[in-house]
Amino acid sequence: MRIGKQDNAFTAIATSDATSITVRGHDLCADLIGKVDFTDYFWLLVCGHRPTDAQKAMMNACLVAIAEHGLVPSVQAARMTLAAAPEAWQGAMAAGLLGMGSVVAGSSEVAGRYLAEIVAEGGDEAAAVASLERLKAAKKKVPGLGHPQHSGGDPRADRLLQIADELGVSGAHVAVLRHLGRHAGRIMNRSLPVNVSGAIPAVILDAGWPLAALKAVPLLARAGGLAAHLYEESQRPIGFILSHQADLAIDYDGETTPTNRKTA
């Protein structure tokens, strides 16, 4: 079955022949292996060009910030999967990454698109306030703001914004995020500090990372954290403990079957 365009198919990422491998116009063995670090290579792979020093430093900071945050749902899913199938690291890793959606980790993409919308509307304080008013009227959450644990302020977000300022990266998206952070609490009538899922897209978009590839950043970062949890699970398993604790924490409120039935 032919679906979509079938002609003139190309890729600009990599090719190879009998004696060489070319990645984004660079000889893999002569130009890249042993000469670039992985963050540099990641940027080259996705964007097609090497990052500047500031871009690489900002990406490094984002990857470190989001790689690990304890036994979050994606980690629990991965560890319980490995407990049930200890030979299937790939399945356990996939289980953790598949759960990265609009609420956990993948929320960076949601926040990034929200910031980009406000930037497109002018990106000034008035545009940010108007957007918050619309969200309040629609009874929707503010992407990139608020945190159930770091209610007084997400320290990761504060540090990423500080680094962006120091590197001279901060631009329109960081400005919008700061406008939102200043006004959201008043408009929404609750504490809404900037969180790491808001800071990551703000700083990395301002650094020049493409919006369409934004989700790749937390995915790559969390893969590193998941690798640590899966290795620990193989050495000091807690997957079945997590499963058992879930049974203890959740009460059944469905229909019951009578244990004693009276016969007529």
Protein backbone atom coordinates (compact mmCIF):
# COMPACT_ATOMS: atom_id res chain seq x y z
CA MET A 1 0.00 0.00 0.00
CA ARG A 2 1.38 3.38 -0.99
CA ILE A 3 0.81 6.00 1.72
CA GLY A 4 2.17 9.50 1.38
CA LYS A 5 4.67 10.85 -1.11
CA GLN A 6 6.82 8.14 -2.67
CA ASP A 7 9.21 10.10 -4.90
CA ASN A 8 12.44 12.02 -4.24
CA ALA A 9 13.17 10.52 -0.84
CA PHE A 10 16.36 11.76 0.79
CA THR A 11 18.18 11.82 4.12
CA ALA A 12 20.89 14.31 5.05
CA ILE A 13 21.96 12.56 8.25
CA ALA A 14 24.25 9.69 7.32
CA THR A 15 25.58 7.46 4.59
CA SER A 16 28.33 4.87 4.22
CA ASP A 17 30.37 2.91 1.71
CA ALA A 18 32.88 0.10 1.91
CA THR A 19 35.58 2.24 3.51
CA SER A 20 33.89 5.15 5.30
CA ILE A 21 30.89 6.37 7.28
CA THR A 22 29.71 9.95 6.81
CA VAL A 23 27.52 11.71 9.37
CA ARG A 24 26.23 15.19 8.61
CA GLY A 25 29.09 15.75 6.19
CA HIS A 26 31.78 14.61 8.63
CA ASP A 27 33.86 11.45 8.45
CA LEU A 28 32.72 9.54 11.52
CA CYS A 29 36.11 7.98 12.29
CA ALA A 30 38.42 10.80 11.21
CA ASP A 31 36.41 13.82 12.35
CA LEU A 32 34.10 12.77 15.18
CA ILE A 33 35.06 9.68 17.17
CA GLY A 34 37.42 10.76 19.93
CA LYS A 35 37.19 14.39 18.89
CA VAL A 36 33.71 15.52 19.93
CA ASP A 37 31.70 14.88 23.08
CA PHE A 38 28.22 13.42 22.96
CA THR A 39 26.37 16.70 23.53
CA ASP A 40 28.25 18.22 20.60
CA TYR A 41 27.38 15.17 18.51
CA PHE A 42 23.71 15.25 19.59
CA TRP A 43 23.40 18.84 18.40
CA LEU A 44 25.15 18.00 15.13
CA LEU A 45 22.91 15.00 14.51
CA VAL A 46 19.67 16.88 15.08
CA CYS A 47 20.50 20.33 13.73
CA GLY A 48 23.03 19.48 11.04
CA HIS A 49 25.76 21.75 12.40
CA ARG A 50 28.08 21.83 15.39
CA PRO A 51 26.90 23.93 18.35
CA THR A 52 28.64 27.05 19.55
CA ASP A 53 30.27 26.89 22.96
CA ALA A 54 27.26 28.62 24.51
CA GLN A 55 24.80 26.29 22.79
CA LYS A 56 26.69 23.21 23.97
CA ALA A 57 26.96 24.52 27.52
CA MET A 58 23.23 25.27 27.61
CA MET A 59 22.33 21.83 26.26
CA ASN A 60 24.65 20.18 28.77
CA ALA A 61 22.97 22.05 31.61
CA CYS A 62 19.49 21.02 30.43
CA LEU A 63 20.44 17.35 30.08
CA VAL A 64 21.93 17.27 33.56
CA ALA A 65 18.94 19.08 35.05
CA ILE A 66 16.28 16.66 33.80
CA ALA A 67 18.10 13.31 33.79
CA GLU A 68 17.14 12.24 37.30
CA HIS A 69 14.44 13.11 39.85
CA GLY A 70 13.88 9.96 41.89
CA LEU A 71 11.15 7.34 41.64
CA VAL A 72 8.88 9.23 39.27
CA PRO A 73 6.24 7.21 37.32
CA SER A 74 8.49 6.60 34.30
CA VAL A 75 11.21 5.17 36.56
CA GLN A 76 8.74 2.96 38.42
CA ALA A 77 7.37 1.65 35.13
CA ALA A 78 10.88 0.84 33.93
CA ARG A 79 11.97 -0.86 37.15
CA MET A 80 8.81 -2.96 37.44
CA THR A 81 9.17 -3.99 33.80
CA LEU A 82 12.75 -5.13 34.40
CA ALA A 83 11.65 -7.00 37.53
CA ALA A 84 9.13 -8.93 35.43
CA ALA A 85 11.51 -9.40 32.47
CA PRO A 86 15.11 -9.10 33.70
CA GLU A 87 16.52 -9.98 30.29
CA ALA A 88 14.66 -7.14 28.55
CA TRP A 89 16.54 -3.92 29.22
CA GLN A 90 15.23 -2.56 25.94
CA GLY A 91 11.65 -3.24 27.01
CA ALA A 92 12.19 -1.68 30.43
CA MET A 93 13.84 1.39 28.89
CA ALA A 94 10.95 1.70 26.44
CA ALA A 95 8.43 1.41 29.28
CA GLY A 96 10.04 4.36 31.00
CA LEU A 97 10.27 6.52 27.89
CA LEU A 98 6.76 5.75 26.67
CA GLY A 99 5.29 7.36 29.78
CA MET A 100 6.94 10.71 29.13
CA GLY A 101 3.89 12.70 28.14
CA SER A 102 2.21 16.02 28.83
CA VAL A 103 2.37 15.66 32.63
CA VAL A 104 5.84 14.19 33.35
CA ALA A 105 9.08 15.00 31.46
CA GLY A 106 7.36 15.43 28.10
CA SER A 107 5.76 18.52 29.61
CA SER A 108 8.77 20.49 28.37
CA GLU A 109 7.43 20.26 24.84
CA VAL A 110 4.00 21.48 25.93
CA ALA A 111 5.56 24.42 27.75
CA GLY A 112 7.85 25.20 24.81
CA ARG A 113 4.99 25.38 22.36
CA TYR A 114 3.09 27.60 24.79
CA LEU A 115 6.04 29.96 25.13
CA ALA A 116 6.47 30.04 21.35
CA GLU A 117 2.81 31.00 20.93
CA ILE A 118 3.21 33.98 23.25
CA VAL A 119 6.44 35.00 21.52
CA ALA A 120 4.53 34.92 18.21
CA GLU A 121 1.91 37.19 19.78
CA GLY A 122 4.53 39.81 20.59
CA GLY A 123 6.28 38.25 23.57
CA ASP A 124 5.88 41.26 25.83
CA GLU A 125 4.40 41.46 29.31
CA ALA A 126 0.95 42.35 27.99
CA ALA A 127 0.88 39.27 25.74
CA ALA A 128 1.86 37.05 28.66
CA VAL A 129 -0.81 38.53 30.94
CA ALA A 130 -3.47 38.19 28.23
CA SER A 131 -2.54 34.55 27.77
CA LEU A 132 -2.80 33.89 31.49
CA GLU A 133 -6.21 35.51 31.56
CA ARG A 134 -7.35 33.22 28.74
CA LEU A 135 -6.08 30.15 30.56
CA LYS A 136 -7.86 31.22 33.73
CA ALA A 137 -11.13 31.74 31.88
CA ALA A 138 -10.79 28.30 30.31
CA LYS A 139 -9.81 26.77 33.68
CA LYS A 140 -6.57 25.41 32.23
CA LYS A 141 -3.15 24.97 33.80
CA VAL A 142 -0.21 27.19 32.94
CA PRO A 143 2.43 25.09 31.12
CA GLY A 144 5.88 25.42 32.64
CA LEU A 145 4.72 26.76 35.99
CA GLY A 146 3.97 25.11 39.33
CA HIS A 147 5.40 22.04 41.05
CA PRO A 148 3.84 19.66 43.61
CA GLN A 149 7.08 19.33 45.59
CA HIS A 150 9.06 22.50 44.85
CA SER A 151 6.15 24.80 45.65
CA GLY A 152 8.47 27.57 46.78
CA GLY A 153 10.42 27.52 43.52
CA ASP A 154 12.08 24.84 41.43
CA PRO A 155 15.84 25.15 42.08
CA ARG A 156 16.65 23.50 38.73
CA ALA A 157 14.71 26.16 36.87
CA ASP A 158 16.40 28.97 38.77
CA ARG A 159 19.83 27.55 37.96
CA LEU A 160 19.09 27.04 34.25
CA LEU A 161 17.86 30.61 33.90
CA GLN A 162 20.96 31.86 35.70
CA ILE A 163 23.20 29.90 33.33
CA ALA A 164 21.31 31.22 30.31
CA ASP A 165 21.91 34.76 31.54
CA GLU A 166 25.59 34.06 32.15
CA LEU A 167 26.04 32.55 28.67
CA GLY A 168 24.19 35.42 26.98
CA VAL A 169 21.62 32.94 25.69
CA SER A 170 18.49 34.44 27.30
CA GLY A 171 16.13 35.89 24.73
CA ALA A 172 12.46 36.09 23.84
CA HIS A 173 11.38 32.75 25.33
CA VAL A 174 13.14 33.37 28.65
CA ALA A 175 11.58 36.84 28.78
CA VAL A 176 8.10 35.39 28.26
CA LEU A 177 8.68 32.75 30.94
CA ARG A 178 9.71 35.44 33.39
CA HIS A 179 6.64 37.51 32.55
CA LEU A 180 4.48 34.45 33.24
CA GLY A 181 6.30 33.75 36.50
CA ARG A 182 5.72 37.30 37.71
CA HIS A 183 1.99 37.39 37.01
CA ALA A 184 0.67 33.82 37.15
CA GLY A 185 0.37 33.61 40.93
CA ARG A 186 -1.73 36.77 41.11
CA ILE A 187 -3.96 35.88 38.17
CA MET A 188 -4.45 32.21 39.09
CA ASN A 189 -4.67 32.91 42.84
CA ARG A 190 -2.11 30.29 43.84
CA SER A 191 1.63 29.77 44.01
CA LEU A 192 2.96 29.04 40.51
CA PRO A 193 6.75 29.21 40.38
CA VAL A 194 8.60 28.55 37.15
CA ASN A 195 9.47 24.85 36.97
CA VAL A 196 12.19 22.96 35.13
CA SER A 197 9.76 21.97 32.36
CA GLY A 198 9.32 25.67 31.64
CA ALA A 199 12.96 26.62 32.00
CA ILE A 200 14.33 23.92 29.69
CA PRO A 201 12.38 24.95 26.59
CA ALA A 202 12.87 28.64 27.32
CA VAL A 203 16.65 28.45 27.50
CA ILE A 204 17.22 25.84 24.80
CA LEU A 205 14.89 27.51 22.28
CA ASP A 206 16.66 30.81 22.89
CA ALA A 207 19.95 28.97 22.33
CA GLY A 208 18.76 27.99 18.85
CA TRP A 209 17.36 24.48 19.31
CA PRO A 210 14.42 23.72 16.97
CA LEU A 211 10.95 23.66 18.50
CA ALA A 212 10.00 20.52 16.56
CA ALA A 213 12.85 18.60 18.21
CA LEU A 214 12.20 19.86 21.74
CA LYS A 215 10.99 16.55 23.14
CA ALA A 216 14.31 14.96 22.21
CA VAL A 217 16.02 16.82 25.06
CA PRO A 218 14.14 15.27 28.01
CA LEU A 219 13.99 11.92 26.21
CA LEU A 220 17.76 11.76 25.87
CA ALA A 221 18.31 13.00 29.40
CA ARG A 222 15.87 10.60 31.03
CA ALA A 223 17.40 7.69 29.10
CA GLY A 224 20.56 8.29 31.12
CA GLY A 225 18.65 8.32 34.40
CA LEU A 226 16.71 5.20 33.43
CA ALA A 227 19.96 3.37 32.66
CA ALA A 228 21.08 4.05 36.23
CA HIS A 229 17.79 2.80 37.68
CA LEU A 230 17.80 -0.33 35.53
CA TYR A 231 21.34 -1.20 36.53
CA GLU A 232 20.45 -0.67 40.19
CA GLU A 233 17.30 -2.75 39.71
CA SER A 234 19.44 -5.61 38.40
CA GLN A 235 21.67 -5.40 41.48
CA ARG A 236 19.27 -4.27 44.24
CA PRO A 237 15.74 -5.01 42.98
CA ILE A 238 12.78 -3.00 44.24
CA GLY A 239 10.39 -3.51 41.31
CA PHE A 240 8.21 -6.06 43.09
CA ILE A 241 8.33 -3.98 46.28
CA LEU A 242 6.91 -1.07 44.28
CA SER A 243 4.22 -3.34 42.90
CA HIS A 244 3.35 -4.67 46.36
CA GLN A 245 3.20 -1.18 47.85
CA ALA A 246 0.75 -0.20 45.12
CA ASP A 247 -1.51 -3.08 46.20
CA LEU A 248 -1.33 -1.88 49.80
CA ALA A 249 -1.98 1.76 48.91
CA ILE A 250 -5.04 1.23 46.74
CA ASP A 251 -8.36 0.07 48.17
CA TYR A 252 -10.87 -1.93 46.13
CA ASP A 253 -14.31 -0.35 45.90
CA GLY A 254 -15.89 -2.50 43.21
CA GLU A 255 -18.57 -5.12 43.59
CA THR A 256 -17.90 -8.03 45.94
CA THR A 257 -18.88 -11.65 45.79
CA PRO A 258 -20.74 -12.85 48.92
CA THR A 259 -18.74 -15.49 50.75
CA ASN A 260 -21.80 -17.03 52.35
CA ARG A 261 -24.84 -17.64 50.20
CA LYS A 262 -28.04 -18.86 51.77
CA THR A 263 -29.70 -21.63 49.86
CA ALA A 264 -33.45 -21.62 49.39
